[in-house]
Amino acid sequence: MPNFIAATFGIFIFLPFVEKVEVINYSFFYCIGLTIYEYLQLNMPIQTFDFNDLAATWLGFIAAIFLFKSATSNFLGLNGG
């Protein structure tokens, strides 16, 4: 399930380039891109479309949100926000 790993850790790609508030939004659109790419594989003869990859993408996105929020301490409420 490479899509799970890509979606989970893809959120951290955006950290140096966007504000902390926008990271989850960018990660959401990144996962939409992964989803579109998976559907495009229906028309690619050497690629394989897989519903499990779609599920893994969005489960990875949910895991990414928890990882990001815990890494920024918002998840634990330690910084008052």
Protein backbone atom coordinates (compact mmCIF):
# COMPACT_ATOMS: atom_id res chain seq x y z
CA MET A 1 0.00 0.00 0.00
CA PRO A 2 2.33 2.73 -1.18
CA ASN A 3 -0.56 5.21 -1.26
CA PHE A 4 -0.93 4.97 2.51
CA ILE A 5 2.70 5.94 2.98
CA ALA A 6 2.49 8.68 0.34
CA ALA A 7 -0.63 10.20 1.88
CA THR A 8 0.58 9.87 5.47
CA PHE A 9 3.96 11.48 5.01
CA GLY A 10 3.04 13.71 2.08
CA ILE A 11 1.66 16.26 4.54
CA PHE A 12 5.19 16.97 5.74
CA ILE A 13 6.31 17.95 2.23
CA PHE A 14 4.34 21.17 2.54
CA LEU A 15 5.69 22.27 5.93
CA PRO A 16 8.58 24.41 4.63
CA PHE A 17 6.43 26.12 1.99
CA VAL A 18 3.10 27.05 3.62
CA GLU A 19 1.80 28.35 6.91
CA LYS A 20 0.95 25.76 9.56
CA VAL A 21 -2.75 26.56 9.22
CA GLU A 22 -2.74 25.67 5.52
CA VAL A 23 -0.82 22.38 5.71
CA ILE A 24 -3.90 20.19 6.13
CA ASN A 25 -5.66 21.95 3.24
CA TYR A 26 -2.69 21.36 0.95
CA SER A 27 -2.48 17.76 2.09
CA PHE A 28 -6.18 17.32 1.29
CA PHE A 29 -5.61 18.52 -2.27
CA TYR A 30 -2.53 16.29 -2.49
CA CYS A 31 -4.75 13.32 -1.64
CA ILE A 32 -7.29 14.41 -4.23
CA GLY A 33 -4.42 14.36 -6.73
CA LEU A 34 -3.48 10.83 -5.66
CA THR A 35 -7.12 9.82 -6.08
CA ILE A 36 -7.34 11.33 -9.56
CA TYR A 37 -4.12 9.59 -10.53
CA GLU A 38 -5.55 6.28 -9.34
CA TYR A 39 -8.65 6.76 -11.50
CA LEU A 40 -6.49 7.74 -14.49
CA GLN A 41 -4.85 4.33 -14.19
CA LEU A 42 -8.07 2.84 -15.57
CA ASN A 43 -6.94 4.12 -18.99
CA MET A 44 -3.25 3.26 -18.65
CA PRO A 45 -2.42 -0.18 -20.03
CA ILE A 46 0.67 -0.73 -17.86
CA GLN A 47 -0.88 0.54 -14.59
CA THR A 48 -3.33 -1.17 -12.25
CA PHE A 49 -6.37 0.53 -10.73
CA ASP A 50 -7.04 -0.66 -7.20
CA PHE A 51 -9.84 0.29 -4.81
CA ASN A 52 -7.55 -0.62 -1.91
CA ASP A 53 -5.18 2.17 -3.00
CA LEU A 54 -8.06 4.64 -2.84
CA ALA A 55 -8.95 3.53 0.68
CA ALA A 56 -5.27 3.60 1.70
CA THR A 57 -4.92 7.15 0.38
CA TRP A 58 -7.70 8.49 2.56
CA LEU A 59 -6.76 6.41 5.60
CA GLY A 60 -3.25 7.79 5.19
CA PHE A 61 -4.68 11.31 5.05
CA ILE A 62 -6.50 10.74 8.35
CA ALA A 63 -3.32 9.33 9.89
CA ALA A 64 -1.41 12.36 8.57
CA ILE A 65 -3.78 14.76 10.30
CA PHE A 66 -3.27 12.98 13.63
CA LEU A 67 0.50 12.89 13.16
CA PHE A 68 0.64 16.54 12.19
CA LYS A 69 -1.57 17.69 15.03
CA SER A 70 0.31 15.64 17.58
CA ALA A 71 3.63 16.91 16.22
CA THR A 72 2.47 20.50 16.56
CA SER A 73 1.02 19.89 20.05
CA ASN A 74 -2.43 21.13 19.00
CA PHE A 75 -3.70 17.58 19.30
CA LEU A 76 -2.80 17.52 22.99
CA GLY A 77 -3.91 21.09 23.64
CA LEU A 78 -0.50 22.06 25.01
CA ASN A 79 -0.23 25.40 23.25
CA GLY A 80 -3.62 26.79 24.18
CA GLY A 81 -5.17 26.39 20.74
